[in-house]
Protein backbone atom coordinates (compact mmCIF):
# COMPACT_ATOMS: atom_id res chain seq x y z
CA MET A 1 -0.06 0.08 0.03
CA ALA A 2 1.76 3.14 -1.32
CA ALA A 3 2.85 5.60 1.42
CA LEU A 4 0.95 3.70 4.10
CA ALA A 5 2.88 1.16 6.45
CA PRO A 6 0.62 -0.84 8.58
CA ASP A 7 2.17 -3.48 11.10
CA SER A 8 0.62 -6.72 10.98
CA LEU A 9 -1.91 -6.09 13.58
CA ALA A 10 -3.12 -2.99 11.95
CA ARG A 11 -3.35 -4.78 8.58
CA SER A 12 -5.54 -7.34 10.18
CA VAL A 13 -7.91 -4.53 11.28
CA LEU A 14 -7.75 -2.75 8.00
CA GLU A 15 -8.06 -5.95 5.76
CA PRO A 16 -11.74 -5.54 4.89
CA VAL A 17 -11.27 -1.82 3.80
CA LEU A 18 -7.81 -1.90 2.16
CA ALA A 19 -9.39 -1.61 -1.28
CA VAL A 20 -11.02 1.48 -0.15
CA LEU A 21 -7.80 3.00 1.21
CA ASP A 22 -5.89 2.11 -1.83
CA ALA A 23 -8.44 4.08 -3.96
CA ALA A 24 -8.66 6.99 -1.72
CA LEU A 25 -5.28 7.80 -0.56
CA PRO A 26 -3.89 8.86 -3.95
CA LEU A 27 -6.75 11.52 -4.01
CA LEU A 28 -5.29 13.15 -0.93
CA PRO A 29 -2.22 15.47 -1.21
CA ALA A 30 0.99 13.34 -1.22
CA GLY A 31 2.88 13.10 1.91
CA ARG A 32 5.63 11.14 3.95
CA SER A 33 4.93 7.45 4.60
CA LEU A 34 2.44 6.80 7.54
CA SER A 35 3.27 4.09 9.78
CA VAL A 36 0.04 2.45 11.40
CA SER A 37 -0.15 0.31 14.60
CA VAL A 38 -2.70 -0.73 17.12
CA GLU A 39 -2.12 0.36 20.67
CA GLU A 40 -3.90 1.47 23.80
CA VAL A 41 -4.85 5.14 23.10
CA PRO A 42 -7.63 7.25 24.19
CA GLY A 43 -10.56 7.63 21.80
CA LEU A 44 -10.24 6.22 18.19
CA PHE A 45 -6.77 7.23 17.31
CA LEU A 46 -3.53 9.19 18.17
CA LEU A 47 -1.47 10.86 15.50
CA ASP A 48 2.15 11.28 16.46
CA GLY A 49 4.02 12.84 13.61
CA ASP A 50 4.34 10.20 11.09
CA ARG A 51 3.01 7.45 13.40
CA LEU A 52 -0.89 6.64 13.51
CA LEU A 53 -1.91 4.73 16.51
CA LEU A 54 -5.30 3.03 16.14
CA SER A 55 -7.10 2.09 19.29
CA THR A 56 -7.30 -1.45 20.45
CA GLY A 57 -11.11 -0.93 20.37
CA PHE A 58 -10.73 -1.77 16.65
CA LEU A 59 -9.74 -5.30 17.49
CA GLY A 60 -13.23 -6.12 18.62
CA PRO A 61 -15.06 -8.25 19.41
CA GLY A 62 -17.93 -5.74 19.05
CA ILE A 63 -19.21 -4.70 15.54
CA VAL A 64 -18.89 -1.05 16.68
CA HIS A 65 -15.89 0.61 18.45
CA PRO A 66 -16.74 1.38 22.03
CA ASP A 67 -15.80 5.13 21.53
CA GLU A 68 -17.71 5.55 18.26
CA PRO A 69 -18.50 9.35 17.99
CA PRO A 70 -22.02 10.18 19.03
CA SER A 71 -24.86 10.74 16.28
CA PRO A 72 -28.52 10.38 16.01
CA LEU A 73 -27.72 8.13 13.08
CA PRO A 74 -26.80 4.51 13.30
CA PRO A 75 -23.09 4.10 14.17
CA LEU A 76 -20.52 2.99 11.76
CA ASP A 77 -18.93 -0.40 12.08
CA ARG A 78 -15.41 -0.52 13.35
CA TRP A 79 -13.88 -1.39 9.96
CA ARG A 80 -15.31 1.64 8.25
CA ARG A 81 -14.43 3.74 11.16
CA ALA A 82 -10.80 2.30 11.16
CA ALA A 83 -10.45 3.27 7.52
CA GLY A 84 -11.91 6.66 8.25
CA CYS A 85 -9.20 7.12 10.92
CA VAL A 86 -6.58 6.58 8.49
CA LEU A 87 -7.87 9.04 5.93
CA GLU A 88 -8.46 11.57 8.72
CA ALA A 89 -5.08 11.26 10.07
CA TRP A 90 -3.46 11.61 6.69
CA ALA A 91 -5.60 14.82 6.03
CA LEU A 92 -4.71 16.22 9.47
CA ARG A 93 -1.02 15.67 8.90
CA VAL A 94 -1.17 17.41 5.47
CA LEU A 95 -3.28 20.24 6.80
CA ALA A 96 -0.63 20.74 9.62
CA GLU A 97 2.27 20.88 7.19
CA MET A 98 0.20 23.43 5.20
CA ALA A 99 -0.38 25.64 8.20
CA GLY A 100 3.01 25.19 9.72
CA LYS A 101 1.32 24.32 13.06
CA SER A 102 0.79 21.43 15.33
CA VAL A 103 -2.44 19.44 14.73
CA GLY A 104 -5.32 20.96 16.75
CA SER A 105 -8.48 19.53 17.99
CA ASP A 106 -11.19 22.02 17.45
CA TRP A 107 -13.85 22.00 14.74
CA ARG A 108 -11.61 23.59 12.18
CA TRP A 109 -9.02 20.77 12.20
CA ILE A 110 -11.45 17.93 12.83
CA GLY A 111 -14.20 19.14 10.58
CA ALA A 112 -11.75 19.66 7.83
CA ALA A 113 -10.29 16.20 8.20
CA VAL A 114 -13.65 14.70 8.14
CA HIS A 115 -14.46 16.59 5.05
CA ALA A 116 -11.50 15.54 3.22
CA ALA A 117 -11.93 11.98 4.11
CA ASP A 118 -15.40 11.90 3.07
CA MET A 119 -14.81 13.51 -0.28
CA VAL A 120 -12.22 10.79 -1.31
CA ALA A 121 -14.10 7.82 0.35
CA PRO A 122 -17.86 8.66 0.52
CA GLU A 123 -18.68 5.01 0.52
CA LEU A 124 -17.52 4.83 4.17
CA GLY A 125 -20.36 7.11 5.36
CA LEU A 126 -18.14 9.40 7.33
CA GLY A 127 -19.57 12.60 6.69
CA VAL A 128 -23.29 11.64 7.06
CA ASN A 129 -22.95 10.67 10.67
CA GLU A 130 -21.23 13.96 11.50
CA LEU A 131 -23.83 15.93 9.50
CA GLY A 132 -26.60 14.39 11.49
CA GLN A 133 -24.71 15.29 14.56
CA ALA A 134 -24.44 18.99 13.46
CA LEU A 135 -28.20 19.18 12.66
CA HIS A 136 -29.14 17.49 15.79
CA THR A 137 -27.08 19.67 18.11
CA GLY A 138 -26.10 22.71 16.02
CA ASP A 139 -22.75 22.58 18.28
CA PRO A 140 -19.51 22.13 16.45
CA GLY A 141 -17.90 23.83 19.45
CA THR A 142 -18.75 20.91 21.68
CA PHE A 143 -18.74 18.25 18.86
CA PRO A 144 -15.88 19.05 16.59
CA ARG A 145 -16.67 16.28 14.26
CA ALA A 146 -19.71 18.28 13.59
CA GLY A 147 -17.49 20.92 11.97
CA VAL A 148 -17.80 19.17 8.69
CA ALA A 149 -21.22 20.71 8.50
CA ALA A 150 -19.26 24.18 7.95
CA CYS A 151 -17.16 22.70 5.29
CA ARG A 152 -20.23 21.21 3.46
CA ALA A 153 -21.92 24.67 3.74
CA TRP A 154 -18.90 26.43 2.20
CA VAL A 155 -19.07 24.01 -0.68
CA GLY A 156 -22.81 24.72 -0.90
CA LEU A 157 -22.19 28.58 -1.09
CA GLY A 158 -19.56 28.09 -3.75
CA ARG A 159 -16.33 28.29 -1.66
CA ASP A 160 -13.28 26.17 -1.20
CA PRO A 161 -13.50 24.77 2.38
CA ILE A 162 -9.84 23.83 2.75
CA ALA A 163 -8.87 27.42 1.66
CA GLN A 164 -11.38 28.67 4.17
CA ILE A 165 -9.84 26.42 6.93
CA ARG A 166 -6.17 27.32 6.06
CA TYR A 167 -7.16 31.03 6.35
CA LEU A 168 -8.57 30.46 9.75
CA LEU A 169 -5.74 28.26 10.94
CA ASP A 170 -3.45 31.38 9.72
CA ASP A 171 -5.16 33.42 12.41
CA GLY A 172 -7.97 34.48 10.07
CA VAL A 173 -11.20 35.74 11.51
CA LEU A 174 -14.56 34.09 10.89
CA SER A 175 -17.16 36.80 11.37
CA PRO A 176 -20.41 36.06 13.30
CA SER A 177 -22.42 36.96 10.24
CA GLU A 178 -20.41 34.40 8.10
CA TRP A 179 -20.75 31.68 10.74
CA LEU A 180 -24.51 32.32 10.79
CA SER A 181 -24.71 31.97 7.11
CA LEU A 182 -23.20 28.64 7.41
CA GLY A 183 -25.59 27.49 9.99
CA ALA A 184 -28.53 28.77 7.92
CA TRP A 185 -27.23 26.62 4.97
CA MET A 186 -26.64 23.62 7.19
CA PHE A 187 -30.30 23.71 8.61
CA SER A 188 -31.85 24.22 5.22
CA HIS A 189 -29.73 21.52 3.28
CA VAL A 190 -28.55 18.88 5.61
CA PRO A 191 -31.87 17.21 6.27
CA ALA A 192 -32.00 16.22 2.47
CA LEU A 193 -28.45 14.71 2.62
CA LEU A 194 -29.37 12.34 5.38
CA PRO A 195 -30.66 8.78 4.88
CA THR A 196 -33.37 9.14 7.50
CA PRO A 197 -35.01 12.01 9.35
CA VAL A 198 -33.11 13.62 12.18
CA ALA A 199 -34.52 15.89 14.77
CA ARG A 200 -32.95 19.32 14.49
CA ALA A 201 -31.30 21.07 17.38
CA PRO A 202 -34.13 22.24 19.92
CA ASP A 203 -35.52 25.63 19.92
CA ALA A 204 -34.44 28.11 22.60
CA ASP A 205 -35.94 31.29 24.05
CA ILE A 206 -34.42 34.49 25.39
CA PRO A 207 -32.51 35.54 27.56
CA LEU A 208 -29.88 33.13 26.13
CA GLU A 209 -26.00 32.64 26.80
CA LEU A 210 -24.13 30.63 24.07
CA ALA A 211 -20.56 29.22 24.14
CA ALA A 212 -18.20 29.57 20.99
CA TRP A 213 -19.34 28.09 17.71
CA ARG A 214 -22.97 27.16 18.02
CA TRP A 215 -25.99 27.61 15.91
CA VAL A 216 -29.33 27.76 17.75
CA PRO A 217 -32.83 28.02 16.42
CA LEU A 218 -34.91 30.51 18.48
CA LYS A 219 -38.54 30.58 19.08
CA VAL A 220 -39.53 33.54 21.13
CA PRO A 221 -43.27 33.41 22.32
CA ALA A 222 -45.61 36.14 21.21
CA HIS A 223 -45.52 39.43 22.99
CA PRO A 224 -48.31 42.14 22.82
CA ARG A 225 -45.62 44.68 22.16
CA GLY A 226 -43.06 42.57 20.24
CA GLY A 227 -39.60 43.57 20.71
CA ARG A 228 -35.84 43.38 19.39
CA ILE A 229 -33.24 40.87 20.35
CA ARG A 230 -29.88 42.38 21.29
CA VAL A 231 -26.82 40.31 20.78
CA GLU A 232 -23.98 40.99 23.11
CA GLY A 233 -20.49 39.65 22.07
CA ASP A 234 -19.31 37.57 19.24
CA GLY A 235 -22.67 36.32 17.57
CA ALA A 236 -25.29 37.32 15.09
CA ILE A 237 -29.03 36.77 14.51
CA GLY A 238 -30.89 36.25 11.26
CA ASP A 239 -33.95 38.44 12.37
CA ALA A 240 -33.72 40.40 15.59
CA TRP A 241 -37.11 42.08 15.24
CA ALA A 242 -40.08 40.34 16.82
CA VAL A 243 -43.39 41.66 15.52
CA ALA A 244 -46.04 42.36 18.08
CA GLY A 245 -48.45 39.57 18.86
CA ARG A 246 -46.46 36.83 16.83
CA ASP A 247 -44.18 34.11 17.84
CA HIS A 248 -40.85 34.97 16.50
CA ARG A 249 -38.41 32.38 15.03
CA ALA A 250 -34.81 33.24 14.05
CA LEU A 251 -31.36 31.61 13.85
CA VAL A 252 -28.60 32.91 16.01
CA GLY A 253 -24.89 31.81 15.70
CA SER A 254 -22.14 32.23 18.23
CA ALA A 255 -18.76 32.75 16.99
CA ALA A 256 -15.33 32.26 18.69
CA GLY A 257 -15.88 34.50 21.63
CA GLY A 258 -19.66 33.27 22.36
CA CYS A 259 -22.44 35.57 22.93
CA ARG A 260 -25.69 36.47 24.91
CA LEU A 261 -29.12 37.26 23.74
CA LEU A 262 -31.25 39.73 25.61
CA ALA A 263 -34.63 41.16 24.90
CA GLU A 264 -35.20 44.96 24.30
CA PRO A 265 -38.53 46.88 23.74
CA GLY A 266 -37.74 47.68 20.10
CA GLY A 267 -39.07 51.08 20.24
CA PRO A 268 -38.08 54.70 21.20
CA VAL A 269 -38.97 54.38 24.77
CA GLY A 270 -39.19 57.64 26.67
CA GLU A 271 -40.88 60.89 26.43
CA TRP A 272 -40.75 63.06 23.52
CA VAL A 273 -42.26 66.38 22.44
CA VAL A 274 -43.23 67.09 18.70
CA ALA A 275 -40.88 69.84 17.38
CA SER A 276 -42.21 69.98 13.74
CA ALA A 277 -43.81 68.02 10.93
CA GLU A 278 -44.07 67.77 7.14
CA ALA A 279 -47.28 66.74 5.54
CA PHE A 280 -49.26 67.13 2.20
CA GLY A 281 -46.30 69.41 0.99
CA GLN A 282 -46.12 71.68 3.90
CA VAL A 283 -43.95 72.33 6.86
CA MET A 284 -45.88 72.38 9.94
CA GLY A 285 -44.99 73.87 13.31
CA ALA A 286 -46.12 72.21 16.64
CA ARG A 287 -46.63 73.08 20.29
CA GLY A 288 -47.57 71.16 23.31
CA VAL A 289 -47.80 67.54 21.87
CA PHE A 290 -46.03 64.92 24.13
CA PHE A 291 -45.63 61.31 23.31
CA ARG A 292 -44.83 58.84 26.11
CA PHE A 293 -43.60 55.39 25.00
CA ALA A 294 -43.55 52.95 28.06
CA ALA A 295 -41.32 49.86 27.70
CA SER A 296 -44.53 47.86 28.46
CA GLY A 297 -46.06 48.97 25.04
CA ALA A 298 -48.32 51.51 26.56
CA LEU A 299 -48.56 54.87 24.78
CA GLN A 300 -49.83 58.00 26.10
CA VAL A 301 -50.19 61.17 24.10
CA VAL A 302 -50.58 64.40 26.15
CA LEU A 303 -51.96 67.60 24.56
CA ALA A 304 -51.18 70.66 26.61
CA ASP A 305 -52.53 73.69 24.86
CA ALA A 306 -51.40 71.93 21.77
CA PHE A 307 -51.33 73.05 18.12
CA VAL A 308 -49.91 71.45 14.93
CA GLY A 309 -50.43 73.14 11.57
CA PRO A 310 -48.81 75.00 8.70
CA LEU A 311 -46.47 77.95 9.32
CA ALA A 312 -49.02 80.12 7.69
CA ALA A 313 -51.52 79.40 10.48
CA VAL A 314 -49.30 81.02 13.21
CA SER A 315 -52.04 83.59 13.81
CA VAL A 316 -54.57 80.64 14.58
CA ALA A 317 -52.03 79.15 16.93
CA GLY A 318 -52.12 82.12 19.03
CA GLU A 319 -55.80 82.03 19.27
CA VAL A 320 -56.71 78.49 20.07
CA GLY A 321 -55.09 75.34 21.56
CA THR A 322 -56.22 71.70 22.31
CA SER A 323 -55.78 69.94 25.53
CA GLY A 324 -56.40 66.47 26.84
CA VAL A 325 -55.00 63.06 26.94
CA ALA A 326 -55.03 59.93 24.57
CA ASP A 327 -54.08 56.41 25.66
CA GLY A 328 -53.20 53.45 23.31
CA ARG A 329 -50.47 51.07 22.59
CA TRP A 330 -47.49 50.87 20.39
CA GLY A 331 -45.95 47.65 19.04
CA VAL A 332 -43.01 46.55 16.86
CA ALA A 333 -44.20 46.04 13.13
CA GLY A 334 -40.78 45.04 11.64
CA GLN A 335 -37.27 46.58 11.50
CA TYR A 336 -37.39 50.06 12.78
CA LEU A 337 -41.24 49.97 12.34
CA LEU A 338 -43.97 50.85 14.86
CA SER A 339 -47.50 50.22 14.81
CA PHE A 340 -50.07 52.15 16.86
CA GLN A 341 -53.23 50.66 18.13
CA ASP A 342 -56.39 51.87 20.01
CA ILE A 343 -55.33 55.43 20.63
CA VAL A 344 -58.45 56.54 22.48
CA PRO A 345 -58.70 60.30 23.30
CA VAL A 346 -60.10 61.14 26.69
CA GLY A 347 -61.64 64.60 27.30
CA ILE A 348 -59.86 66.20 24.45
CA THR A 349 -61.01 69.87 24.15
CA MET A 350 -60.39 72.89 21.91
CA HIS A 351 -60.14 76.03 23.66
CA SER A 352 -59.34 79.75 23.42
CA ARG A 353 -55.99 81.09 24.52
CA GLY A 354 -56.85 84.74 24.99
CA ARG A 355 -58.58 86.43 27.98
CA ARG A 356 -61.33 87.64 25.71
CA ASP A 357 -63.94 85.55 23.83
CA ARG A 358 -63.06 82.62 25.88
CA PHE A 359 -64.57 79.21 24.84
CA MET A 360 -64.09 75.45 25.16
CA MET A 361 -65.47 72.74 22.98
CA PRO A 362 -65.02 68.82 22.42
CA ALA A 363 -62.25 68.30 19.85
CA ALA A 364 -63.31 64.79 18.78
CA GLY A 365 -63.78 64.16 15.15
CA PHE A 366 -61.38 66.89 13.92
CA GLY A 367 -58.08 68.55 14.45
CA LEU A 368 -55.53 66.76 16.61
CA ALA A 369 -57.99 64.01 17.64
CA GLU A 370 -58.42 62.92 14.12
CA TRP A 371 -54.59 63.08 13.54
CA LEU A 372 -53.98 60.72 16.38
CA ALA A 373 -56.65 58.28 15.09
CA ALA A 374 -55.14 58.34 11.63
CA MET A 375 -51.81 57.28 13.14
CA CYS A 376 -53.18 53.76 13.60
CA THR A 377 -53.84 53.02 9.94
CA ALA A 378 -50.35 52.10 8.83
CA PRO A 379 -46.88 51.37 10.23
CA TRP A 380 -44.36 54.09 10.85
CA GLY A 381 -40.77 53.89 10.24
CA TRP A 382 -38.60 55.47 13.00
CA ILE A 383 -35.06 56.79 13.22
CA LEU A 384 -33.40 57.69 16.47
CA GLU A 385 -30.34 59.98 16.61
CA GLU A 386 -29.28 60.81 20.21
CA ASP A 387 -32.07 63.08 21.41
CA ARG A 388 -33.91 63.35 18.17
CA LEU A 389 -36.63 61.06 16.99
CA ILE A 390 -38.07 61.06 13.34
CA LEU A 391 -41.36 59.22 12.54
CA ARG A 392 -42.13 58.54 8.98
CA GLY A 393 -45.40 57.04 7.58
CA THR A 394 -48.67 57.63 5.75
CA MET A 395 -51.70 59.48 7.07
CA LEU A 396 -54.80 60.38 5.40
CA GLY A 397 -53.42 59.25 1.97
CA GLY A 398 -50.09 61.19 1.92
CA PRO A 399 -46.61 60.95 3.42
CA VAL A 400 -46.07 62.41 6.78
CA GLN A 401 -42.90 63.13 8.83
CA VAL A 402 -42.83 63.98 12.46
CA ARG A 403 -39.92 65.22 14.27
CA PHE A 404 -39.52 64.94 18.06
CA ARG A 405 -36.96 66.01 20.57
CA ARG A 406 -36.47 64.22 23.93
CA GLU A 407 -38.54 65.66 26.90
CA VAL A 408 -36.89 65.38 30.21
CA ALA A 409 -40.22 65.96 32.10
CA ALA A 410 -43.54 66.06 30.51
CA PRO A 411 -45.94 68.97 31.69
């Protein structure tokens, strides 16, 4: 067997799969001769320079090695596993020579070795079991052999996995967003590559803390307000915005540093006063309109001698105002989108401002009361810049932009 030098005991273990090894080894990069023996070693094998030590567990008498890697799929017999160990050890040694480093034990090393062995000898079924484990746990950080899923995802995304691994072993950085994209490919495509159905990694809820190199499906129960999921640390999430009143599903990935996921309200919580507006082709001034966004999703609009209207109506603003309170709710409608619900005016009145000709009358049905009701008809985009808030939406058939400034204390 070219470049492979098994002793008599190792040859007896490998005899049923020698033909597979003869065909597969020439497909891997050439290297120095690798001696193979059978000795007492932990796990499946130990690679010591140019010496491969196979575990005595390969001598039997069982069909499966006692340290067969965990997988939700049926285990490999010890002969196929022994052949896989030879190919993986060869790949690890070549990879170490390319990287100029000692062989490591994390998912980059082990996943790449499994991938290389599986590519040259797919009949052994090495990759299938590890892909099943990746789908079942989403955790190459704990199960390094499941790192073959990242290599398979790179292939599916049109990239060279060995080139990617060499970059990482040369102190390259795998960003959280790229790691997340590998997990998304894995969860979408691996089920079709498996011979039997495998339950995917279980859903998780927030708050959540993740160790390095994990992919976790999230399922956050519906909340009346919705919210935003904040990622702290070295992680990324597919969709951070949970829409009000809906269960939220997303995929999260934790890269080298691990991460935490926490809930945020997802809106401009605090007290704001309307500074100005643009609507129907006009710039409008504003006075005395206060919005209070509570973290709970409650909304209160306070009108204190309020007026919103075109600059040409300044004389009217000096004569009348509107006062009262409107309670309602706000919720998340998407990424930087708000929805308003059930804004109900309570005792809103229009009144005079001067000492003469004083009057007061109900304001429901027109003016600011109608404006508040119209805010509930469609979502509003929002932008927060330090102490400035801008809402953009559609009202009464036309585009509207409302500008706010933060109010330290409402009247």
